[in-house]
Amino acid sequence: MSTNIRIVHAYDFIKATPEGKLDLQKSKEYLMDIVSASTTLVDYEVIIDTRKTQTAMSITDLWYLAAEVANLFKTFPRKIAVLCPLEHFDQAGFFALCAQNRGVRVQAFTSFEDAIEWLIAKDV
C-alpha cells in the first residue's frame, strides 16, 4: 500500500524580523497561505522540515506556533512529522507536545528515515 507524503519546508513559512527573531504574525500568514494552497492535503502525511530554518524562537513562540498549526490542521486526520537538526530536538519536541495536546498527531525527528517510517506505520 502506498503512502502520499508532502514535505513543507519551514523556511517557507517561518519568517524573522531584521533582528532574527520570529515574526509570529507574518509566519501565521504564510502558514495559512500554504495550508490554503494545499486543500488536498487530507490525502497526505506531512513532513515539516525545519533543518534550514535560521530563526531564533522562544518557548512562547513555539507554543503560539503549535497553537496556530493545531487551529489550521484541526480537521487533519493524518500525521505530521517535524524534522529538525539534533541541536533543536528539544524545541521541536516541545512544539510537537503542544500540538499533540491540541489533538494533532505530530512527532519530532532528527532522522528523515525515522520520520518516514513513523508516517507510513499503521496505527494500532
PDB file of N, CA and C in Angstrom:
ATOM      1  N   MET A   1       0.837  -1.179   0.000  1.00  0.00           N
ATOM      2  CA  MET A   1       0.000   0.000   0.000  1.00  0.00           C
ATOM      3  C   MET A   1       0.885   1.246   0.000  1.00  0.00           C
ATOM      4  N   SER A   2       0.564   2.195  -0.844  1.00  0.00           N
ATOM      5  CA  SER A   2       1.389   3.390  -0.948  1.00  0.00           C
ATOM      6  C   SER A   2       0.920   4.470   0.028  1.00  0.00           C
ATOM      7  N   THR A   3       1.857   5.351   0.343  1.00  0.00           N
ATOM      8  CA  THR A   3       1.579   6.479   1.220  1.00  0.00           C
ATOM      9  C   THR A   3       2.010   7.755   0.514  1.00  0.00           C
ATOM     10  N   ASN A   4       1.159   8.740   0.509  1.00  0.00           N
ATOM     11  CA  ASN A   4       1.491  10.050  -0.059  1.00  0.00           C
ATOM     12  C   ASN A   4       2.087  10.911   1.041  1.00  0.00           C
ATOM     13  N   ILE A   5       3.237  11.498   0.756  1.00  0.00           N
ATOM     14  CA  ILE A   5       3.915  12.345   1.739  1.00  0.00           C
ATOM     15  C   ILE A   5       4.201  13.693   1.104  1.00  0.00           C
ATOM     16  N   ARG A   6       3.874  14.743   1.820  1.00  0.00           N
ATOM     17  CA  ARG A   6       4.137  16.121   1.381  1.00  0.00           C
ATOM     18  C   ARG A   6       5.179  16.720   2.310  1.00  0.00           C
ATOM     19  N   ILE A   7       6.242  17.278   1.753  1.00  0.00           N
ATOM     20  CA  ILE A   7       7.279  17.929   2.551  1.00  0.00           C
ATOM     21  C   ILE A   7       7.078  19.434   2.464  1.00  0.00           C
ATOM     22  N   VAL A   8       6.938  20.061   3.628  1.00  0.00           N
ATOM     23  CA  VAL A   8       6.807  21.515   3.718  1.00  0.00           C
ATOM     24  C   VAL A   8       8.064  22.012   4.421  1.00  0.00           C
ATOM     25  N   HIS A   9       8.783  22.890   3.774  1.00  0.00           N
ATOM     26  CA  HIS A   9       9.993  23.446   4.370  1.00  0.00           C
ATOM     27  C   HIS A   9       9.620  24.615   5.268  1.00  0.00           C
ATOM     28  N   ALA A  10      10.078  24.562   6.495  1.00  0.00           N
ATOM     29  CA  ALA A  10       9.720  25.591   7.467  1.00  0.00           C
ATOM     30  C   ALA A  10      10.156  26.975   7.008  1.00  0.00           C
ATOM     31  N   TYR A  11      11.264  27.063   6.269  1.00  0.00           N
ATOM     32  CA  TYR A  11      11.699  28.388   5.818  1.00  0.00           C
ATOM     33  C   TYR A  11      10.700  29.011   4.843  1.00  0.00           C
ATOM     34  N   ASP A  12       9.729  28.209   4.343  1.00  0.00           N
ATOM     35  CA  ASP A  12       8.678  28.771   3.506  1.00  0.00           C
ATOM     36  C   ASP A  12       7.648  29.553   4.313  1.00  0.00           C
ATOM     37  N   PHE A  13       7.539  29.258   5.617  1.00  0.00           N
ATOM     38  CA  PHE A  13       6.534  29.978   6.415  1.00  0.00           C
ATOM     39  C   PHE A  13       7.068  30.566   7.708  1.00  0.00           C
ATOM     40  N   ILE A  14       8.232  30.164   8.188  1.00  0.00           N
ATOM     41  CA  ILE A  14       8.808  30.766   9.386  1.00  0.00           C
ATOM     42  C   ILE A  14       9.545  32.030   8.950  1.00  0.00           C
ATOM     43  N   LYS A  15       9.052  33.163   9.373  1.00  0.00           N
ATOM     44  CA  LYS A  15       9.629  34.440   8.968  1.00  0.00           C
ATOM     45  C   LYS A  15      10.225  35.148  10.180  1.00  0.00           C
ATOM     46  N   ALA A  16      11.293  35.889   9.934  1.00  0.00           N
ATOM     47  CA  ALA A  16      12.017  36.556  11.013  1.00  0.00           C
ATOM     48  C   ALA A  16      11.983  38.070  10.845  1.00  0.00           C
ATOM     49  N   THR A  17      12.170  38.734  11.977  1.00  0.00           N
ATOM     50  CA  THR A  17      12.344  40.184  11.966  1.00  0.00           C
ATOM     51  C   THR A  17      13.782  40.466  11.524  1.00  0.00           C
ATOM     52  N   PRO A  18      14.127  41.704  11.239  1.00  0.00           N
ATOM     53  CA  PRO A  18      15.519  42.017  10.887  1.00  0.00           C
ATOM     54  C   PRO A  18      16.522  41.622  11.985  1.00  0.00           C
ATOM     55  N   GLU A  19      16.052  41.520  13.220  1.00  0.00           N
ATOM     56  CA  GLU A  19      16.922  41.132  14.336  1.00  0.00           C
ATOM     57  C   GLU A  19      17.083  39.616  14.454  1.00  0.00           C
ATOM     58  N   GLY A  20      16.379  38.851  13.602  1.00  0.00           N
ATOM     59  CA  GLY A  20      16.495  37.404  13.621  1.00  0.00           C
ATOM     60  C   GLY A  20      15.497  36.704  14.532  1.00  0.00           C
ATOM     61  N   LYS A  21      14.580  37.442  15.111  1.00  0.00           N
ATOM     62  CA  LYS A  21      13.551  36.858  15.979  1.00  0.00           C
ATOM     63  C   LYS A  21      12.340  36.466  15.136  1.00  0.00           C
ATOM     64  N   LEU A  22      11.549  35.536  15.666  1.00  0.00           N
ATOM     65  CA  LEU A  22      10.363  35.081  14.960  1.00  0.00           C
ATOM     66  C   LEU A  22       9.377  36.222  14.768  1.00  0.00           C
ATOM     67  N   ASP A  23       8.907  36.386  13.539  1.00  0.00           N
ATOM     68  CA  ASP A  23       7.815  37.307  13.237  1.00  0.00           C
ATOM     69  C   ASP A  23       6.562  36.450  13.202  1.00  0.00           C
ATOM     70  N   LEU A  24       5.908  36.318  14.342  1.00  0.00           N
ATOM     71  CA  LEU A  24       4.788  35.402  14.501  1.00  0.00           C
ATOM     72  C   LEU A  24       3.636  35.743  13.565  1.00  0.00           C
ATOM     73  N   GLN A  25       3.313  37.005  13.432  1.00  0.00           N
ATOM     74  CA  GLN A  25       2.196  37.398  12.572  1.00  0.00           C
ATOM     75  C   GLN A  25       2.464  37.028  11.116  1.00  0.00           C
ATOM     76  N   LYS A  26       3.638  37.364  10.612  1.00  0.00           N
ATOM     77  CA  LYS A  26       3.989  37.023   9.223  1.00  0.00           C
ATOM     78  C   LYS A  26       4.037  35.509   9.040  1.00  0.00           C
ATOM     79  N   SER A  27       4.583  34.798  10.030  1.00  0.00           N
ATOM     80  CA  SER A  27       4.668  33.343   9.948  1.00  0.00           C
ATOM     81  C   SER A  27       3.277  32.723   9.877  1.00  0.00           C
ATOM     82  N   LYS A  28       2.338  33.238  10.684  1.00  0.00           N
ATOM     83  CA  LYS A  28       0.950  32.753  10.643  1.00  0.00           C
ATOM     84  C   LYS A  28       0.353  32.966   9.257  1.00  0.00           C
ATOM     85  N   GLU A  29       0.575  34.153   8.696  1.00  0.00           N
ATOM     86  CA  GLU A  29       0.026  34.463   7.378  1.00  0.00           C
ATOM     87  C   GLU A  29       0.564  33.516   6.313  1.00  0.00           C
ATOM     88  N   TYR A  30       1.879  33.288   6.319  1.00  0.00           N
ATOM     89  CA  TYR A  30       2.478  32.386   5.342  1.00  0.00           C
ATOM     90  C   TYR A  30       1.998  30.952   5.552  1.00  0.00           C
ATOM     91  N   LEU A  31       1.876  30.518   6.798  1.00  0.00           N
ATOM     92  CA  LEU A  31       1.388  29.173   7.093  1.00  0.00           C
ATOM     93  C   LEU A  31      -0.043  29.001   6.587  1.00  0.00           C
ATOM     94  N   MET A  32      -0.881  30.007   6.810  1.00  0.00           N
ATOM     95  CA  MET A  32      -2.256  29.940   6.309  1.00  0.00           C
ATOM     96  C   MET A  32      -2.284  29.869   4.782  1.00  0.00           C
ATOM     97  N   ASP A  33      -1.391  30.600   4.120  1.00  0.00           N
ATOM     98  CA  ASP A  33      -1.303  30.548   2.660  1.00  0.00           C
ATOM     99  C   ASP A  33      -0.932  29.143   2.183  1.00  0.00           C
ATOM    100  N   ILE A  34       0.023  28.517   2.867  1.00  0.00           N
ATOM    101  CA  ILE A  34       0.455  27.170   2.493  1.00  0.00           C
ATOM    102  C   ILE A  34      -0.683  26.181   2.677  1.00  0.00           C
ATOM    103  N   VAL A  35      -1.366  26.257   3.813  1.00  0.00           N
ATOM    104  CA  VAL A  35      -2.468  25.337   4.080  1.00  0.00           C
ATOM    105  C   VAL A  35      -3.600  25.563   3.080  1.00  0.00           C
ATOM    106  N   SER A  36      -3.916  26.817   2.782  1.00  0.00           N
ATOM    107  CA  SER A  36      -4.981  27.124   1.820  1.00  0.00           C
ATOM    108  C   SER A  36      -4.642  26.601   0.431  1.00  0.00           C
ATOM    109  N   ALA A  37      -3.383  26.684   0.048  1.00  0.00           N
ATOM    110  CA  ALA A  37      -2.956  26.202  -1.266  1.00  0.00           C
ATOM    111  C   ALA A  37      -2.920  24.678  -1.329  1.00  0.00           C
ATOM    112  N   SER A  38      -2.965  24.033  -0.184  1.00  0.00           N
ATOM    113  CA  SER A  38      -2.866  22.574  -0.118  1.00  0.00           C
ATOM    114  C   SER A  38      -4.179  21.968   0.354  1.00  0.00           C
ATOM    115  N   THR A  39      -5.252  22.322  -0.288  1.00  0.00           N
ATOM    116  CA  THR A  39      -6.559  21.840   0.153  1.00  0.00           C
ATOM    117  C   THR A  39      -6.696  20.331   0.041  1.00  0.00           C
ATOM    118  N   THR A  40      -5.896  19.692  -0.794  1.00  0.00           N
ATOM    119  CA  THR A  40      -5.955  18.236  -0.928  1.00  0.00           C
ATOM    120  C   THR A  40      -5.005  17.538   0.040  1.00  0.00           C
ATOM    121  N   LEU A  41      -4.489  18.257   1.009  1.00  0.00           N
ATOM    122  CA  LEU A  41      -3.534  17.691   1.966  1.00  0.00           C
ATOM    123  C   LEU A  41      -4.132  16.557   2.780  1.00  0.00           C
ATOM    124  N   VAL A  42      -5.437  16.437   2.794  1.00  0.00           N
ATOM    125  CA  VAL A  42      -6.093  15.397   3.588  1.00  0.00           C
ATOM    126  C   VAL A  42      -5.649  14.002   3.129  1.00  0.00           C
ATOM    127  N   ASP A  43      -5.161  13.869   1.913  1.00  0.00           N
ATOM    128  CA  ASP A  43      -4.698  12.586   1.397  1.00  0.00           C
ATOM    129  C   ASP A  43      -3.211  12.350   1.640  1.00  0.00           C
ATOM    130  N   TYR A  44      -2.561  13.242   2.360  1.00  0.00           N
ATOM    131  CA  TYR A  44      -1.119  13.179   2.550  1.00  0.00           C
ATOM    132  C   TYR A  44      -0.731  13.113   4.020  1.00  0.00           C
ATOM    133  N   GLU A  45       0.401  12.445   4.274  1.00  0.00           N
ATOM    134  CA  GLU A  45       1.118  12.595   5.526  1.00  0.00           C
ATOM    135  C   GLU A  45       2.055  13.784   5.272  1.00  0.00           C
ATOM    136  N   VAL A  46       2.434  14.512   6.315  1.00  0.00           N
ATOM    137  CA  VAL A  46       3.211  15.739   6.117  1.00  0.00           C
ATOM    138  C   VAL A  46       4.504  15.702   6.921  1.00  0.00           C
ATOM    139  N   ILE A  47       5.588  16.152   6.289  1.00  0.00           N
ATOM    140  CA  ILE A  47       6.854  16.398   6.983  1.00  0.00           C
ATOM    141  C   ILE A  47       7.079  17.901   6.950  1.00  0.00           C
ATOM    142  N   ILE A  48       7.258  18.497   8.141  1.00  0.00           N
ATOM    143  CA  ILE A  48       7.668  19.901   8.216  1.00  0.00           C
ATOM    144  C   ILE A  48       9.174  19.870   8.469  1.00  0.00           C
ATOM    145  N   ASP A  49       9.939  20.246   7.468  1.00  0.00           N
ATOM    146  CA  ASP A  49      11.400  20.188   7.532  1.00  0.00           C
ATOM    147  C   ASP A  49      11.935  21.517   8.052  1.00  0.00           C
ATOM    148  N   THR A  50      12.457  21.504   9.274  1.00  0.00           N
ATOM    149  CA  THR A  50      12.969  22.729   9.905  1.00  0.00           C
ATOM    150  C   THR A  50      14.489  22.804   9.873  1.00  0.00           C
ATOM    151  N   ARG A  51      15.148  21.891   9.163  1.00  0.00           N
ATOM    152  CA  ARG A  51      16.610  21.801   9.243  1.00  0.00           C
ATOM    153  C   ARG A  51      17.339  23.031   8.749  1.00  0.00           C
ATOM    154  N   LYS A  52      16.771  23.819   7.857  1.00  0.00           N
ATOM    155  CA  LYS A  52      17.470  25.005   7.345  1.00  0.00           C
ATOM    156  C   LYS A  52      16.880  26.305   7.868  1.00  0.00           C
ATOM    157  N   THR A  53      16.030  26.224   8.872  1.00  0.00           N
ATOM    158  CA  THR A  53      15.423  27.421   9.438  1.00  0.00           C
ATOM    159  C   THR A  53      16.439  28.145  10.309  1.00  0.00           C
ATOM    160  N   GLN A  54      16.569  29.436  10.116  1.00  0.00           N
ATOM    161  CA  GLN A  54      17.575  30.232  10.821  1.00  0.00           C
ATOM    162  C   GLN A  54      16.994  31.165  11.877  1.00  0.00           C
ATOM    163  N   THR A  55      15.721  31.038  12.185  1.00  0.00           N
ATOM    164  CA  THR A  55      15.051  31.959  13.091  1.00  0.00           C
ATOM    165  C   THR A  55      15.163  31.499  14.535  1.00  0.00           C
ATOM    166  N   ALA A  56      15.472  32.432  15.422  1.00  0.00           N
ATOM    167  CA  ALA A  56      15.511  32.135  16.857  1.00  0.00           C
ATOM    168  C   ALA A  56      14.084  32.175  17.402  1.00  0.00           C
ATOM    169  N   MET A  57      13.661  31.078  18.055  1.00  0.00           N
ATOM    170  CA  MET A  57      12.309  31.014  18.604  1.00  0.00           C
ATOM    171  C   MET A  57      12.365  30.717  20.087  1.00  0.00           C
ATOM    172  N   SER A  58      11.565  31.448  20.834  1.00  0.00           N
ATOM    173  CA  SER A  58      11.446  31.209  22.269  1.00  0.00           C
ATOM    174  C   SER A  58      10.434  30.088  22.503  1.00  0.00           C
ATOM    175  N   ILE A  59      10.366  29.624  23.739  1.00  0.00           N
ATOM    176  CA  ILE A  59       9.374  28.615  24.111  1.00  0.00           C
ATOM    177  C   ILE A  59       7.966  29.167  23.848  1.00  0.00           C
ATOM    178  N   THR A  60       7.763  30.430  24.152  1.00  0.00           N
ATOM    179  CA  THR A  60       6.462  31.067  23.911  1.00  0.00           C
ATOM    180  C   THR A  60       6.142  31.081  22.418  1.00  0.00           C
ATOM    181  N   ASP A  61       7.138  31.400  21.578  1.00  0.00           N
ATOM    182  CA  ASP A  61       6.933  31.383  20.128  1.00  0.00           C
ATOM    183  C   ASP A  61       6.508  29.993  19.662  1.00  0.00           C
ATOM    184  N   LEU A  62       7.189  28.970  20.169  1.00  0.00           N
ATOM    185  CA  LEU A  62       6.868  27.589  19.787  1.00  0.00           C
ATOM    186  C   LEU A  62       5.444  27.229  20.201  1.00  0.00           C
ATOM    187  N   TRP A  63       5.055  27.665  21.400  1.00  0.00           N
ATOM    188  CA  TRP A  63       3.711  27.383  21.904  1.00  0.00           C
ATOM    189  C   TRP A  63       2.658  28.034  20.995  1.00  0.00           C
ATOM    190  N   TYR A  64       2.861  29.311  20.655  1.00  0.00           N
ATOM    191  CA  TYR A  64       1.916  30.014  19.791  1.00  0.00           C
ATOM    192  C   TYR A  64       1.879  29.405  18.386  1.00  0.00           C
ATOM    193  N   LEU A  65       3.033  29.033  17.852  1.00  0.00           N
ATOM    194  CA  LEU A  65       3.075  28.431  16.527  1.00  0.00           C
ATOM    195  C   LEU A  65       2.379  27.065  16.529  1.00  0.00           C
ATOM    196  N   ALA A  66       2.565  26.286  17.585  1.00  0.00           N
ATOM    197  CA  ALA A  66       1.869  24.994  17.710  1.00  0.00           C
ATOM    198  C   ALA A  66       0.365  25.203  17.785  1.00  0.00           C
ATOM    199  N   ALA A  67      -0.062  26.227  18.504  1.00  0.00           N
ATOM    200  CA  ALA A  67      -1.493  26.531  18.592  1.00  0.00           C
ATOM    201  C   ALA A  67      -2.044  26.889  17.216  1.00  0.00           C
ATOM    202  N   GLU A  68      -1.282  27.649  16.453  1.00  0.00           N
ATOM    203  CA  GLU A  68      -1.722  28.035  15.112  1.00  0.00           C
ATOM    204  C   GLU A  68      -1.786  26.817  14.194  1.00  0.00           C
ATOM    205  N   VAL A  69      -0.776  25.959  14.257  1.00  0.00           N
ATOM    206  CA  VAL A  69      -0.789  24.730  13.454  1.00  0.00           C
ATOM    207  C   VAL A  69      -1.994  23.878  13.835  1.00  0.00           C
ATOM    208  N   ALA A  70      -2.271  23.761  15.130  1.00  0.00           N
ATOM    209  CA  ALA A  70      -3.419  22.977  15.591  1.00  0.00           C
ATOM    210  C   ALA A  70      -4.727  23.570  15.064  1.00  0.00           C
ATOM    211  N   ASN A  71      -4.848  24.893  15.050  1.00  0.00           N
ATOM    212  CA  ASN A  71      -6.056  25.528  14.516  1.00  0.00           C
ATOM    213  C   ASN A  71      -6.211  25.254  13.026  1.00  0.00           C
ATOM    214  N   LEU A  72      -5.112  25.327  12.294  1.00  0.00           N
ATOM    215  CA  LEU A  72      -5.174  25.124  10.857  1.00  0.00           C
ATOM    216  C   LEU A  72      -5.377  23.657  10.485  1.00  0.00           C
ATOM    217  N   PHE A  73      -4.850  22.757  11.306  1.00  0.00           N
ATOM    218  CA  PHE A  73      -4.919  21.331  11.000  1.00  0.00           C
ATOM    219  C   PHE A  73      -5.916  20.595  11.894  1.00  0.00           C
ATOM    220  N   LYS A  74      -6.876  21.305  12.492  1.00  0.00           N
ATOM    221  CA  LYS A  74      -7.778  20.672  13.457  1.00  0.00           C
ATOM    222  C   LYS A  74      -8.625  19.562  12.851  1.00  0.00           C
ATOM    223  N   THR A  75      -8.890  19.624  11.576  1.00  0.00           N
ATOM    224  CA  THR A  75      -9.656  18.561  10.932  1.00  0.00           C
ATOM    225  C   THR A  75      -8.757  17.637  10.109  1.00  0.00           C
ATOM    226  N   PHE A  76      -7.455  17.770  10.281  1.00  0.00           N
ATOM    227  CA  PHE A  76      -6.481  16.988   9.519  1.00  0.00           C
ATOM    228  C   PHE A  76      -6.322  15.617  10.179  1.00  0.00           C
ATOM    229  N   PRO A  77      -6.741  14.538   9.505  1.00  0.00           N
ATOM    230  CA  PRO A  77      -6.722  13.218  10.127  1.00  0.00           C
ATOM    231  C   PRO A  77      -5.383  12.494  10.035  1.00  0.00           C
ATOM    232  N   ARG A  78      -4.403  13.067   9.393  1.00  0.00           N
ATOM    233  CA  ARG A  78      -3.135  12.392   9.130  1.00  0.00           C
ATOM    234  C   ARG A  78      -2.073  12.787  10.138  1.00  0.00           C
ATOM    235  N   LYS A  79      -0.856  12.270   9.922  1.00  0.00           N
ATOM    236  CA  LYS A  79       0.276  12.535  10.810  1.00  0.00           C
ATOM    237  C   LYS A  79       1.138  13.659  10.245  1.00  0.00           C
ATOM    238  N   ILE A  80       1.799  14.374  11.164  1.00  0.00           N
ATOM    239  CA  ILE A  80       2.756  15.408  10.793  1.00  0.00           C
ATOM    240  C   ILE A  80       4.068  15.094  11.506  1.00  0.00           C
ATOM    241  N   ALA A  81       5.146  14.920  10.740  1.00  0.00           N
ATOM    242  CA  ALA A  81       6.475  14.697  11.304  1.00  0.00           C
ATOM    243  C   ALA A  81       7.251  16.010  11.210  1.00  0.00           C
ATOM    244  N   VAL A  82       7.853  16.420  12.319  1.00  0.00           N
ATOM    245  CA  VAL A  82       8.691  17.620  12.330  1.00  0.00           C
ATOM    246  C   VAL A  82      10.132  17.146  12.287  1.00  0.00           C
ATOM    247  N   LEU A  83      10.830  17.471  11.220  1.00  0.00           N
ATOM    248  CA  LEU A  83      12.216  17.063  11.022  1.00  0.00           C
ATOM    249  C   LEU A  83      13.118  18.226  11.400  1.00  0.00           C
ATOM    250  N   CYS A  84      14.057  17.970  12.319  1.00  0.00           N
ATOM    251  CA  CYS A  84      14.897  19.055  12.832  1.00  0.00           C
ATOM    252  C   CYS A  84      16.334  18.568  13.013  1.00  0.00           C
ATOM    253  N   PRO A  85      17.280  19.505  13.121  1.00  0.00           N
ATOM    254  CA  PRO A  85      18.645  19.111  13.460  1.00  0.00           C
ATOM    255  C   PRO A  85      18.709  18.700  14.935  1.00  0.00           C
ATOM    256  N   LEU A  86      19.669  17.882  15.271  1.00  0.00           N
ATOM    257  CA  LEU A  86      19.795  17.352  16.627  1.00  0.00           C
ATOM    258  C   LEU A  86      19.820  18.455  17.684  1.00  0.00           C
ATOM    259  N   GLU A  87      20.499  19.559  17.398  1.00  0.00           N
ATOM    260  CA  GLU A  87      20.623  20.631  18.388  1.00  0.00           C
ATOM    261  C   GLU A  87      19.301  21.356  18.656  1.00  0.00           C
ATOM    262  N   HIS A  88      18.285  21.126  17.838  1.00  0.00           N
ATOM    263  CA  HIS A  88      16.978  21.745  18.053  1.00  0.00           C
ATOM    264  C   HIS A  88      15.892  20.734  18.403  1.00  0.00           C
ATOM    265  N   PHE A  89      16.303  19.511  18.743  1.00  0.00           N
ATOM    266  CA  PHE A  89      15.321  18.468  19.014  1.00  0.00           C
ATOM    267  C   PHE A  89      14.433  18.813  20.213  1.00  0.00           C
ATOM    268  N   ASP A  90      14.992  19.402  21.257  1.00  0.00           N
ATOM    269  CA  ASP A  90      14.177  19.761  22.424  1.00  0.00           C
ATOM    270  C   ASP A  90      13.076  20.755  22.048  1.00  0.00           C
ATOM    271  N   GLN A  91      13.417  21.750  21.230  1.00  0.00           N
ATOM    272  CA  GLN A  91      12.415  22.717  20.798  1.00  0.00           C
ATOM    273  C   GLN A  91      11.358  22.050  19.912  1.00  0.00           C
ATOM    274  N   ALA A  92      11.785  21.195  18.989  1.00  0.00           N
ATOM    275  CA  ALA A  92      10.837  20.504  18.112  1.00  0.00           C
ATOM    276  C   ALA A  92       9.949  19.565  18.924  1.00  0.00           C
ATOM    277  N   GLY A  93      10.532  18.916  19.927  1.00  0.00           N
ATOM    278  CA  GLY A  93       9.750  18.045  20.798  1.00  0.00           C
ATOM    279  C   GLY A  93       8.704  18.825  21.585  1.00  0.00           C
ATOM    280  N   PHE A  94       9.082  20.012  22.067  1.00  0.00           N
ATOM    281  CA  PHE A  94       8.136  20.860  22.784  1.00  0.00           C
ATOM    282  C   PHE A  94       7.005  21.310  21.856  1.00  0.00           C
ATOM    283  N   PHE A  95       7.368  21.731  20.640  1.00  0.00           N
ATOM    284  CA  PHE A  95       6.374  22.111  19.645  1.00  0.00           C
ATOM    285  C   PHE A  95       5.407  20.950  19.394  1.00  0.00           C
ATOM    286  N   ALA A  96       5.951  19.746  19.205  1.00  0.00           N
ATOM    287  CA  ALA A  96       5.114  18.566  18.951  1.00  0.00           C
ATOM    288  C   ALA A  96       4.187  18.289  20.133  1.00  0.00           C
ATOM    289  N   LEU A  97       4.715  18.385  21.337  1.00  0.00           N
ATOM    290  CA  LEU A  97       3.898  18.155  22.527  1.00  0.00           C
ATOM    291  C   LEU A  97       2.745  19.159  22.607  1.00  0.00           C
ATOM    292  N   CYS A  98       3.035  20.416  22.330  1.00  0.00           N
ATOM    293  CA  CYS A  98       1.984  21.442  22.361  1.00  0.00           C
ATOM    294  C   CYS A  98       0.906  21.148  21.324  1.00  0.00           C
ATOM    295  N   ALA A  99       1.307  20.734  20.129  1.00  0.00           N
ATOM    296  CA  ALA A  99       0.334  20.415  19.091  1.00  0.00           C
ATOM    297  C   ALA A  99      -0.435  19.139  19.435  1.00  0.00           C
ATOM    298  N   GLN A 100       0.245  18.146  20.013  1.00  0.00           N
ATOM    299  CA  GLN A 100      -0.426  16.909  20.431  1.00  0.00           C
ATOM    300  C   GLN A 100      -1.502  17.210  21.465  1.00  0.00           C
ATOM    301  N   ASN A 101      -1.199  18.112  22.380  1.00  0.00           N
ATOM    302  CA  ASN A 101      -2.170  18.484  23.412  1.00  0.00           C
ATOM    303  C   ASN A 101      -3.419  19.133  22.825  1.00  0.00           C
ATOM    304  N   ARG A 102      -3.335  19.550  21.574  1.00  0.00           N
ATOM    305  CA  ARG A 102      -4.486  20.142  20.882  1.00  0.00           C
ATOM    306  C   ARG A 102      -5.087  19.174  19.861  1.00  0.00           C
ATOM    307  N   GLY A 103      -4.681  17.899  19.939  1.00  0.00           N
ATOM    308  CA  GLY A 103      -5.294  16.877  19.107  1.00  0.00           C
ATOM    309  C   GLY A 103      -4.647  16.600  17.763  1.00  0.00           C
ATOM    310  N   VAL A 104      -3.494  17.201  17.481  1.00  0.00           N
ATOM    311  CA  VAL A 104      -2.800  16.966  16.219  1.00  0.00           C
ATOM    312  C   VAL A 104      -1.818  15.817  16.410  1.00  0.00           C
ATOM    313  N   ARG A 105      -1.789  14.900  15.455  1.00  0.00           N
ATOM    314  CA  ARG A 105      -0.855  13.773  15.523  1.00  0.00           C
ATOM    315  C   ARG A 105       0.475  14.217  14.927  1.00  0.00           C
ATOM    316  N   VAL A 106       1.360  14.655  15.793  1.00  0.00           N
ATOM    317  CA  VAL A 106       2.655  15.196  15.365  1.00  0.00           C
ATOM    318  C   VAL A 106       3.758  14.605  16.231  1.00  0.00           C
ATOM    319  N   GLN A 107       4.927  14.406  15.627  1.00  0.00           N
ATOM    320  CA  GLN A 107       6.082  13.837  16.322  1.00  0.00           C
ATOM    321  C   GLN A 107       7.337  14.505  15.780  1.00  0.00           C
ATOM    322  N   ALA A 108       8.346  14.690  16.640  1.00  0.00           N
ATOM    323  CA  ALA A 108       9.608  15.309  16.236  1.00  0.00           C
ATOM    324  C   ALA A 108      10.647  14.228  15.919  1.00  0.00           C
ATOM    325  N   PHE A 109      11.475  14.496  14.907  1.00  0.00           N
ATOM    326  CA  PHE A 109      12.510  13.557  14.473  1.00  0.00           C
ATOM    327  C   PHE A 109      13.764  14.309  14.054  1.00  0.00           C
ATOM    328  N   THR A 110      14.913  13.652  14.213  1.00  0.00           N
ATOM    329  CA  THR A 110      16.167  14.193  13.685  1.00  0.00           C
ATOM    330  C   THR A 110      16.614  13.397  12.464  1.00  0.00           C
ATOM    331  N   SER A 111      15.973  12.286  12.187  1.00  0.00           N
ATOM    332  CA  SER A 111      16.315  11.427  11.063  1.00  0.00           C
ATOM    333  C   SER A 111      15.168  11.392  10.056  1.00  0.00           C
ATOM    334  N   PHE A 112      15.482  11.686   8.807  1.00  0.00           N
ATOM    335  CA  PHE A 112      14.486  11.641   7.738  1.00  0.00           C
ATOM    336  C   PHE A 112      13.880  10.244   7.635  1.00  0.00           C
ATOM    337  N   GLU A 113      14.740   9.230   7.720  1.00  0.00           N
ATOM    338  CA  GLU A 113      14.270   7.851   7.606  1.00  0.00           C
ATOM    339  C   GLU A 113      13.317   7.484   8.735  1.00  0.00           C
ATOM    340  N   ASP A 114      13.629   7.909   9.977  1.00  0.00           N
ATOM    341  CA  ASP A 114      12.735   7.625  11.105  1.00  0.00           C
ATOM    342  C   ASP A 114      11.395   8.326  10.933  1.00  0.00           C
ATOM    343  N   ALA A 115      11.430   9.535  10.412  1.00  0.00           N
ATOM    344  CA  ALA A 115      10.188  10.276  10.169  1.00  0.00           C
ATOM    345  C   ALA A 115       9.327   9.545   9.139  1.00  0.00           C
ATOM    346  N   ILE A 116       9.943   9.088   8.053  1.00  0.00           N
ATOM    347  CA  ILE A 116       9.209   8.358   7.016  1.00  0.00           C
ATOM    348  C   ILE A 116       8.625   7.067   7.594  1.00  0.00           C
ATOM    349  N   GLU A 117       9.420   6.326   8.353  1.00  0.00           N
ATOM    350  CA  GLU A 117       8.928   5.073   8.950  1.00  0.00           C
ATOM    351  C   GLU A 117       7.714   5.327   9.840  1.00  0.00           C
ATOM    352  N   TRP A 118       7.754   6.394  10.643  1.00  0.00           N
ATOM    353  CA  TRP A 118       6.622   6.718  11.514  1.00  0.00           C
ATOM    354  C   TRP A 118       5.379   7.094  10.694  1.00  0.00           C
ATOM    355  N   LEU A 119       5.613   7.866   9.628  1.00  0.00           N
ATOM    356  CA  LEU A 119       4.499   8.297   8.799  1.00  0.00           C
ATOM    357  C   LEU A 119       3.797   7.135   8.101  1.00  0.00           C
ATOM    358  N   ILE A 120       4.567   6.142   7.654  1.00  0.00           N
ATOM    359  CA  ILE A 120       3.960   5.042   6.905  1.00  0.00           C
ATOM    360  C   ILE A 120       3.496   3.894   7.804  1.00  0.00           C
ATOM    361  N   ALA A 121       3.875   3.912   9.085  1.00  0.00           N
ATOM    362  CA  ALA A 121       3.481   2.848  10.011  1.00  0.00           C
ATOM    363  C   ALA A 121       1.976   2.875  10.226  1.00  0.00           C
ATOM    364  N   LYS A 122       1.418   1.703  10.301  1.00  0.00           N
ATOM    365  CA  LYS A 122      -0.013   1.584  10.606  1.00  0.00           C
ATOM    366  C   LYS A 122      -0.234   1.897  12.077  1.00  0.00           C
ATOM    367  N   ASP A 123      -1.244   2.689  12.373  1.00  0.00           N
ATOM    368  CA  ASP A 123      -1.598   2.957  13.758  1.00  0.00           C
ATOM    369  C   ASP A 123      -2.339   1.752  14.322  1.00  0.00           C
ATOM    370  N   VAL A 124      -2.002   1.418  15.534  1.00  0.00           N
ATOM    371  CA  VAL A 124      -2.646   0.262  16.157  1.00  0.00           C
ATOM    372  C   VAL A 124      -3.672   0.716  17.164  1.00  0.00           C
TER     373      VAL A 124
END
